[in-house]
Amino acid sequence: MTVSVRIPTILRTYTGGAAEVPAAEGTLREVIASLDGAYPGIGGRILDGEGKLRRFVNVYVGDEDVRFSQGLDTQVPAGAQVSVIPAVAGGAPVANIGVG
């Protein structure tokens, strides 16, 4: 069986533009390995050189942020949805609005 992985726009060059791709079930580490096997290079954009989730990449299994569960050891059952979400930072500063 497989799981469904949602791919952010910035990584879709690895998946030929696909926004959602299948991967093998297992631990999140195994799902990412399966993903990287099918789409070479994408794993290196999700994991750092030490094999940990990159600092500015959030991964959810269903609605659960894996950083608050078992991380890469989180079980991803068949039929589950994995979402890879790059962190977004920055923006314009808030204007100083005087009140009263």
C-alpha atoms as a PDB file:
ATOM      1  CA  MET A   1       0.000   0.000   0.000  1.00  0.00           C
ATOM      2  CA  THR A   2       1.003   3.602  -0.369  1.00  0.00           C
ATOM      3  CA  VAL A   3       0.681   6.982   1.276  1.00  0.00           C
ATOM      4  CA  SER A   4       0.050  10.315  -0.401  1.00  0.00           C
ATOM      5  CA  VAL A   5       2.656  13.060  -0.071  1.00  0.00           C
ATOM      6  CA  ARG A   6       1.744  16.693  -0.715  1.00  0.00           C
ATOM      7  CA  ILE A   7       4.638  18.520  -2.332  1.00  0.00           C
ATOM      8  CA  PRO A   8       5.099  22.287  -1.884  1.00  0.00           C
ATOM      9  CA  THR A   9       5.433  24.401  -5.016  1.00  0.00           C
ATOM     10  CA  ILE A  10       9.143  25.019  -4.441  1.00  0.00           C
ATOM     11  CA  LEU A  11       9.906  21.249  -4.589  1.00  0.00           C
ATOM     12  CA  ARG A  12       7.682  20.361  -7.536  1.00  0.00           C
ATOM     13  CA  THR A  13      10.608  20.606  -9.964  1.00  0.00           C
ATOM     14  CA  TYR A  14      11.652  17.230  -8.486  1.00  0.00           C
ATOM     15  CA  THR A  15       8.211  15.682  -9.118  1.00  0.00           C
ATOM     16  CA  GLY A  16       7.693  16.969 -12.645  1.00  0.00           C
ATOM     17  CA  GLY A  17       5.233  19.547 -11.341  1.00  0.00           C
ATOM     18  CA  ALA A  18       3.060  17.073  -9.420  1.00  0.00           C
ATOM     19  CA  ALA A  19       1.497  18.550  -6.280  1.00  0.00           C
ATOM     20  CA  GLU A  20       0.811  15.126  -4.761  1.00  0.00           C
ATOM     21  CA  VAL A  21       2.740  11.887  -5.222  1.00  0.00           C
ATOM     22  CA  PRO A  22       2.594   8.358  -3.799  1.00  0.00           C
ATOM     23  CA  ALA A  23       5.249   6.843  -1.550  1.00  0.00           C
ATOM     24  CA  ALA A  24       5.642   3.581   0.344  1.00  0.00           C
ATOM     25  CA  GLU A  25       4.191   3.372   3.854  1.00  0.00           C
ATOM     26  CA  GLY A  26       6.393   2.894   6.931  1.00  0.00           C
ATOM     27  CA  THR A  27       8.130   5.321   9.216  1.00  0.00           C
ATOM     28  CA  LEU A  28       8.440   8.894   7.989  1.00  0.00           C
ATOM     29  CA  ARG A  29      12.133   8.190   7.382  1.00  0.00           C
ATOM     30  CA  GLU A  30      11.130   5.291   5.083  1.00  0.00           C
ATOM     31  CA  VAL A  31       8.493   7.413   3.333  1.00  0.00           C
ATOM     32  CA  ILE A  32      11.117  10.087   2.577  1.00  0.00           C
ATOM     33  CA  ALA A  33      13.546   7.404   1.351  1.00  0.00           C
ATOM     34  CA  SER A  34      10.830   6.021  -0.944  1.00  0.00           C
ATOM     35  CA  LEU A  35      10.087   9.524  -2.173  1.00  0.00           C
ATOM     36  CA  ASP A  36      13.772  10.168  -2.842  1.00  0.00           C
ATOM     37  CA  GLY A  37      14.052   6.858  -4.712  1.00  0.00           C
ATOM     38  CA  ALA A  38      11.244   7.883  -7.049  1.00  0.00           C
ATOM     39  CA  TYR A  39      12.255  11.554  -7.267  1.00  0.00           C
ATOM     40  CA  PRO A  40      16.046  11.757  -6.783  1.00  0.00           C
ATOM     41  CA  GLY A  41      17.240  14.772  -4.827  1.00  0.00           C
ATOM     42  CA  ILE A  42      13.981  15.613  -3.082  1.00  0.00           C
ATOM     43  CA  GLY A  43      15.075  13.845   0.119  1.00  0.00           C
ATOM     44  CA  GLY A  44      18.049  16.193   0.414  1.00  0.00           C
ATOM     45  CA  ARG A  45      15.679  19.153   0.361  1.00  0.00           C
ATOM     46  CA  ILE A  46      13.670  17.709   3.279  1.00  0.00           C
ATOM     47  CA  LEU A  47      16.536  16.263   5.355  1.00  0.00           C
ATOM     48  CA  ASP A  48      19.822  17.932   6.236  1.00  0.00           C
ATOM     49  CA  GLY A  49      23.311  16.411   5.930  1.00  0.00           C
ATOM     50  CA  GLU A  50      22.873  14.649   9.289  1.00  0.00           C
ATOM     51  CA  GLY A  51      19.631  12.987   8.183  1.00  0.00           C
ATOM     52  CA  LYS A  52      17.407  15.211  10.347  1.00  0.00           C
ATOM     53  CA  LEU A  53      14.453  17.291   9.190  1.00  0.00           C
ATOM     54  CA  ARG A  54      15.706  20.608   7.883  1.00  0.00           C
ATOM     55  CA  ARG A  55      15.113  23.483  10.255  1.00  0.00           C
ATOM     56  CA  PHE A  56      12.705  25.344   7.980  1.00  0.00           C
ATOM     57  CA  VAL A  57      10.709  22.359   6.747  1.00  0.00           C
ATOM     58  CA  ASN A  58       7.589  21.235   8.606  1.00  0.00           C
ATOM     59  CA  VAL A  59       6.158  17.780   7.996  1.00  0.00           C
ATOM     60  CA  TYR A  60       2.705  16.623   8.995  1.00  0.00           C
ATOM     61  CA  VAL A  61       1.238  13.132   9.000  1.00  0.00           C
ATOM     62  CA  GLY A  62      -2.461  13.833   8.791  1.00  0.00           C
ATOM     63  CA  ASP A  63      -2.917  16.806  11.128  1.00  0.00           C
ATOM     64  CA  GLU A  64       0.020  15.886  13.373  1.00  0.00           C
ATOM     65  CA  ASP A  65       3.260  17.899  13.252  1.00  0.00           C
ATOM     66  CA  VAL A  66       5.914  15.162  13.442  1.00  0.00           C
ATOM     67  CA  ARG A  67       8.237  17.390  15.483  1.00  0.00           C
ATOM     68  CA  PHE A  68       5.767  16.975  18.346  1.00  0.00           C
ATOM     69  CA  SER A  69       5.412  13.213  17.958  1.00  0.00           C
ATOM     70  CA  GLN A  70       8.148  10.730  17.022  1.00  0.00           C
ATOM     71  CA  GLY A  71       9.839  12.836  14.352  1.00  0.00           C
ATOM     72  CA  LEU A  72      11.279  10.691  11.567  1.00  0.00           C
ATOM     73  CA  ASP A  73      10.216   7.569  13.477  1.00  0.00           C
ATOM     74  CA  THR A  74       6.538   8.565  13.190  1.00  0.00           C
ATOM     75  CA  GLN A  75       4.550   5.702  11.669  1.00  0.00           C
ATOM     76  CA  VAL A  76       2.814   6.560   8.398  1.00  0.00           C
ATOM     77  CA  PRO A  77       0.100   3.963   7.758  1.00  0.00           C
ATOM     78  CA  ALA A  78      -1.232   3.034   4.325  1.00  0.00           C
ATOM     79  CA  GLY A  79      -3.652   5.641   3.031  1.00  0.00           C
ATOM     80  CA  ALA A  80      -2.266   8.426   5.239  1.00  0.00           C
ATOM     81  CA  GLN A  81      -1.457  11.871   3.900  1.00  0.00           C
ATOM     82  CA  VAL A  82       1.954  13.450   4.484  1.00  0.00           C
ATOM     83  CA  SER A  83       2.316  17.197   3.956  1.00  0.00           C
ATOM     84  CA  VAL A  84       5.719  18.817   3.437  1.00  0.00           C
ATOM     85  CA  ILE A  85       5.428  22.518   4.247  1.00  0.00           C
ATOM     86  CA  PRO A  86       8.316  24.986   4.024  1.00  0.00           C
ATOM     87  CA  ALA A  87       8.342  27.499   6.853  1.00  0.00           C
ATOM     88  CA  VAL A  88       7.484  31.020   5.799  1.00  0.00           C
ATOM     89  CA  ALA A  89       9.102  34.010   7.473  1.00  0.00           C
ATOM     90  CA  GLY A  90       9.509  37.694   6.860  1.00  0.00           C
ATOM     91  CA  GLY A  91       7.015  40.178   5.592  1.00  0.00           C
ATOM     92  CA  ALA A  92       6.527  43.867   6.038  1.00  0.00           C
ATOM     93  CA  PRO A  93       6.870  45.423   9.480  1.00  0.00           C
ATOM     94  CA  VAL A  94       3.665  46.454  11.188  1.00  0.00           C
ATOM     95  CA  ALA A  95       3.092  50.202  11.073  1.00  0.00           C
ATOM     96  CA  ASN A  96       3.140  51.963  14.422  1.00  0.00           C
ATOM     97  CA  ILE A  97      -0.467  53.058  14.778  1.00  0.00           C
ATOM     98  CA  GLY A  98      -1.247  55.343  17.684  1.00  0.00           C
ATOM     99  CA  VAL A  99      -4.382  54.521  19.601  1.00  0.00           C
ATOM    100  CA  GLY A 100      -6.405  57.123  21.445  1.00  0.00           C
END
